[in-house]
Amino acid sequence: MKKLFLIASAVVFCTTVFGQRISKITITGTGTVSDIVIGLDENVQVYITKEGQISKWGFDRFIGNQENYNDYLEPYVGRVEYYSQNDDEALRGKVKYIGRTLVSYYPSYEIESLRGKLKSIGSINMDYYQSFEDKSLAGSLKTIGGQNVAWYPSYENESVRGKLKTIGATSLTYYGSFEDKAFRGKIKSIGSFTFNYYSSFEQYSGSMKNGMSVVNANGLKFYLRGY
């Protein structure tokens, strides 16, 4: 009986700790990150921006069946709670619980660049770049759980400034401003995956020539939208 109890406790612990994860990173046709998606229990997906704001969340009925290319979410019918008017002013009205997952934010007494930003979603903690590191990156995500996040800084080529450079062990490169106008600024590689595009002199100019719109690199899924 004691052994069964320990096993059950371990299952509950693992479900709680590992229930949240980065499930998808969406990159637009211009090479910018539109969403970083955090997956919760019960097929709930939380879409956040690179600045640490929730853009939308809900139930993803496509999980386990097919790719949700249109990012369509249905309302979540489980437990949902929000921070009240009695809570810190930077938190008021924001979602607090989605199911059993607690969502926390940086309160009003933090430095201005952090106030109201996501601090954690369940076991995933988040930190951000400050202005003394690079003014162009100030307020952008620096860590998501155990994943370090780097963005191309202000001194880089204008075609890549502010774009995702690395997340965890995965590096991303882009076509520079000196490349053909049909694909300059677009994704060139994600980890070991490379991408080529039709030139401005070809039919389907700017469309992906070689590569896949969904790739899994080092345990992270990237979705290239509009390629």
Protein backbone atom coordinates (compact mmCIF):
# COMPACT_ATOMS: atom_id res chain seq x y z
CA MET A 1 0.00 0.00 0.00
CA LYS A 2 2.82 2.38 0.90
CA LYS A 3 4.51 1.64 -2.42
CA LEU A 4 1.29 2.37 -4.32
CA PHE A 5 0.92 5.66 -2.47
CA LEU A 6 4.47 6.69 -3.40
CA ILE A 7 3.89 5.82 -7.05
CA ALA A 8 0.64 7.80 -7.12
CA SER A 9 2.36 10.77 -5.47
CA ALA A 10 5.16 10.64 -8.04
CA VAL A 11 2.65 10.63 -10.90
CA VAL A 12 0.87 13.67 -9.47
CA PHE A 13 4.19 15.44 -8.93
CA CYS A 14 5.40 14.79 -12.47
CA THR A 15 2.09 15.86 -13.97
CA THR A 16 2.22 19.11 -12.02
CA VAL A 17 5.85 19.89 -12.78
CA PHE A 18 5.95 18.81 -16.41
CA GLY A 19 2.39 19.75 -17.34
CA GLN A 20 3.55 23.05 -18.81
CA ARG A 21 5.94 23.26 -21.77
CA ILE A 22 6.82 25.31 -24.84
CA SER A 23 4.65 23.62 -27.44
CA LYS A 24 5.23 25.86 -30.47
CA ILE A 25 7.04 28.96 -31.70
CA THR A 26 5.38 30.72 -34.62
CA ILE A 27 7.50 32.77 -37.02
CA THR A 28 5.91 35.00 -39.67
CA GLY A 29 6.92 35.47 -43.29
CA THR A 30 9.00 38.50 -42.30
CA GLY A 31 11.05 36.39 -39.88
CA THR A 32 9.58 37.80 -36.67
CA VAL A 33 8.17 35.77 -33.78
CA SER A 34 4.43 36.29 -33.56
CA ASP A 35 3.74 33.85 -30.73
CA ILE A 36 5.42 31.52 -28.28
CA VAL A 37 2.86 28.93 -27.27
CA ILE A 38 2.84 27.34 -23.82
CA GLY A 39 0.97 24.06 -23.55
CA LEU A 40 -0.95 23.26 -20.36
CA ASP A 41 -2.94 20.25 -19.19
CA GLU A 42 -6.22 19.36 -20.93
CA ASN A 43 -4.94 20.55 -24.34
CA VAL A 44 -5.01 24.19 -23.28
CA GLN A 45 -2.64 26.46 -25.21
CA VAL A 46 -1.50 29.92 -24.06
CA TYR A 47 -0.15 32.23 -26.76
CA ILE A 48 2.33 34.84 -25.54
CA THR A 49 4.25 37.60 -27.31
CA LYS A 50 8.02 38.13 -27.16
CA GLU A 51 7.25 40.95 -24.69
CA GLY A 52 5.59 38.58 -22.23
CA GLN A 53 1.93 39.38 -22.79
CA ILE A 54 -0.82 36.82 -23.30
CA SER A 55 -2.37 37.36 -26.71
CA LYS A 56 -4.94 34.55 -26.40
CA TRP A 57 -5.55 31.17 -24.80
CA GLY A 58 -8.01 28.31 -25.02
CA PHE A 59 -8.66 24.66 -25.82
CA ASP A 60 -6.90 23.27 -28.91
CA ARG A 61 -9.00 20.40 -30.27
CA PHE A 62 -6.43 19.67 -33.00
CA ILE A 63 -3.76 18.36 -30.61
CA GLY A 64 -3.02 14.72 -31.31
CA ASN A 65 -4.89 14.82 -34.63
CA GLN A 66 -3.37 17.42 -36.93
CA GLU A 67 -1.47 20.70 -36.95
CA ASN A 68 -3.46 23.76 -35.89
CA TYR A 69 -2.28 25.92 -38.79
CA ASN A 70 -4.84 28.68 -38.18
CA ASP A 71 -4.23 28.82 -34.42
CA TYR A 72 -7.91 28.23 -33.80
CA LEU A 73 -8.80 27.88 -30.12
CA GLU A 74 -12.09 27.02 -28.46
CA PRO A 75 -13.19 28.42 -25.09
CA TYR A 76 -11.87 26.44 -22.15
CA VAL A 77 -14.77 25.17 -20.04
CA GLY A 78 -12.76 24.25 -16.92
CA ARG A 79 -11.77 26.37 -13.95
CA VAL A 80 -10.85 29.96 -14.81
CA GLU A 81 -10.12 32.69 -12.27
CA TYR A 82 -8.96 36.28 -12.67
CA TYR A 83 -7.13 38.70 -10.42
CA SER A 84 -9.61 40.97 -8.67
CA GLN A 85 -9.76 44.72 -8.08
CA ASN A 86 -8.31 44.06 -4.62
CA ASP A 87 -5.08 42.71 -6.09
CA ASP A 88 -2.03 44.68 -7.18
CA GLU A 89 -2.92 47.21 -9.89
CA ALA A 90 -0.57 45.58 -12.41
CA LEU A 91 -2.43 42.28 -12.04
CA ARG A 92 -6.08 43.36 -11.97
CA GLY A 93 -8.29 41.71 -14.56
CA LYS A 94 -5.59 39.34 -15.78
CA VAL A 95 -6.17 35.59 -15.82
CA LYS A 96 -4.94 33.95 -12.60
CA TYR A 97 -5.88 30.27 -12.92
CA ILE A 98 -6.46 28.17 -16.01
CA GLY A 99 -7.52 24.81 -14.68
CA ARG A 100 -5.03 24.08 -11.89
CA THR A 101 -2.27 26.18 -13.49
CA LEU A 102 -1.42 29.41 -11.69
CA VAL A 103 -0.44 32.38 -13.86
CA SER A 104 1.56 35.13 -12.16
CA TYR A 105 2.77 38.56 -13.28
CA TYR A 106 5.33 41.13 -12.18
CA PRO A 107 3.59 43.55 -9.77
CA SER A 108 3.53 47.34 -9.83
CA TYR A 109 6.44 47.73 -7.40
CA GLU A 110 8.85 46.13 -9.90
CA ILE A 111 10.84 48.26 -12.34
CA GLU A 112 8.69 49.82 -15.03
CA SER A 113 9.86 47.54 -17.84
CA LEU A 114 8.61 44.46 -15.93
CA ARG A 115 5.28 45.64 -14.52
CA GLY A 116 2.34 43.55 -15.70
CA LYS A 117 4.47 41.12 -17.70
CA LEU A 118 4.16 37.38 -17.26
CA LYS A 119 6.29 36.08 -14.41
CA SER A 120 5.28 32.44 -14.53
CA ILE A 121 2.83 29.99 -16.05
CA GLY A 122 2.74 27.05 -13.68
CA SER A 123 6.31 25.78 -13.35
CA ILE A 124 7.62 27.94 -16.23
CA ASN A 125 9.28 31.12 -14.96
CA MET A 126 10.06 34.06 -17.23
CA ASP A 127 12.64 36.82 -17.16
CA TYR A 128 13.29 39.75 -19.48
CA TYR A 129 16.08 41.88 -20.93
CA GLN A 130 16.67 45.26 -19.32
CA SER A 131 17.59 48.53 -21.03
CA PHE A 132 21.18 48.44 -19.76
CA GLU A 133 21.73 45.23 -21.76
CA ASP A 134 20.45 46.55 -25.10
CA LYS A 135 17.77 49.22 -25.42
CA SER A 136 16.30 47.58 -28.51
CA LEU A 137 15.80 44.33 -26.58
CA ALA A 138 14.50 45.85 -23.34
CA GLY A 139 11.31 44.09 -22.28
CA SER A 140 11.84 41.08 -24.53
CA LEU A 141 11.89 37.57 -23.06
CA LYS A 142 15.29 36.45 -21.79
CA THR A 143 14.37 33.10 -20.26
CA ILE A 144 11.39 30.78 -20.54
CA GLY A 145 11.69 28.08 -17.93
CA GLY A 146 15.05 26.42 -18.49
CA GLN A 147 15.44 27.86 -22.00
CA ASN A 148 17.64 30.93 -22.49
CA VAL A 149 16.38 33.25 -25.23
CA ALA A 150 18.58 35.57 -27.30
CA TRP A 151 17.52 38.13 -29.91
CA TYR A 152 19.68 39.82 -32.54
CA PRO A 153 20.81 43.12 -30.97
CA SER A 154 20.68 46.65 -32.35
CA TYR A 155 24.19 46.59 -33.80
CA GLU A 156 23.36 43.67 -36.15
CA ASN A 157 22.24 44.03 -39.77
CA GLU A 158 18.89 45.81 -39.98
CA SER A 159 17.26 42.74 -41.54
CA VAL A 160 17.78 40.68 -38.37
CA ARG A 161 17.59 43.21 -35.50
CA GLY A 162 15.15 42.11 -32.82
CA LYS A 163 14.60 38.70 -34.38
CA LEU A 164 15.01 35.44 -32.50
CA LYS A 165 18.68 34.36 -32.47
CA THR A 166 18.69 31.37 -30.12
CA ILE A 167 16.34 29.57 -27.81
CA GLY A 168 17.92 26.89 -25.71
CA ALA A 169 20.31 24.92 -27.91
CA THR A 170 18.66 26.01 -31.17
CA SER A 171 20.12 28.80 -33.31
CA LEU A 172 18.25 30.70 -36.02
CA THR A 173 19.73 32.59 -38.99
CA TYR A 174 18.12 34.85 -41.59
CA TYR A 175 18.79 36.11 -45.08
CA GLY A 176 20.48 39.51 -44.89
CA SER A 177 19.49 42.83 -46.43
CA PHE A 178 21.97 42.26 -49.29
CA GLU A 179 20.06 39.16 -50.44
CA ASP A 180 17.37 39.05 -53.13
CA LYS A 181 14.46 41.29 -52.12
CA ALA A 182 12.05 38.34 -52.39
CA PHE A 183 13.50 36.62 -49.35
CA ARG A 184 15.69 39.07 -47.44
CA GLY A 185 14.89 38.90 -43.74
CA LYS A 186 13.28 35.47 -44.04
CA ILE A 187 14.39 32.44 -42.04
CA LYS A 188 17.52 30.82 -43.47
CA SER A 189 18.03 28.08 -40.89
CA ILE A 190 16.62 26.70 -37.66
CA GLY A 191 19.17 24.41 -36.07
CA SER A 192 20.14 21.93 -38.78
CA PHE A 193 17.10 22.73 -40.96
CA THR A 194 17.69 25.08 -43.91
CA PHE A 195 15.24 27.00 -46.08
CA ASN A 196 15.39 28.31 -49.65
CA TYR A 197 12.95 30.56 -51.49
CA TYR A 198 11.99 31.46 -55.02
CA SER A 199 13.80 34.61 -56.15
CA SER A 200 12.18 37.80 -57.42
CA PHE A 201 12.84 36.58 -60.98
CA GLU A 202 10.96 33.31 -60.54
CA GLN A 203 7.35 32.30 -60.39
CA TYR A 204 6.08 32.08 -56.79
CA SER A 205 8.57 34.79 -55.83
CA GLY A 206 9.31 34.73 -52.10
CA SER A 207 7.55 31.41 -51.48
CA MET A 208 9.42 28.55 -49.86
CA LYS A 209 11.30 26.44 -52.38
CA ASN A 210 12.94 23.92 -50.09
CA GLY A 211 12.10 23.28 -46.46
CA MET A 212 9.11 22.51 -44.25
CA SER A 213 6.65 24.84 -42.59
CA VAL A 214 6.80 22.82 -39.36
CA VAL A 215 10.13 21.61 -37.94
CA ASN A 216 11.17 20.09 -34.63
CA ALA A 217 14.61 21.19 -33.51
CA ASN A 218 16.11 20.07 -30.20
CA GLY A 219 12.70 19.29 -28.78
CA LEU A 220 11.08 22.58 -29.85
CA LYS A 221 8.48 22.90 -32.59
CA PHE A 222 8.71 25.85 -34.97
CA TYR A 223 5.86 26.80 -37.29
CA LEU A 224 6.67 29.07 -40.23
CA ARG A 225 3.51 30.95 -41.19
CA GLY A 226 3.17 32.75 -44.50
CA TYR A 227 6.09 31.05 -46.22
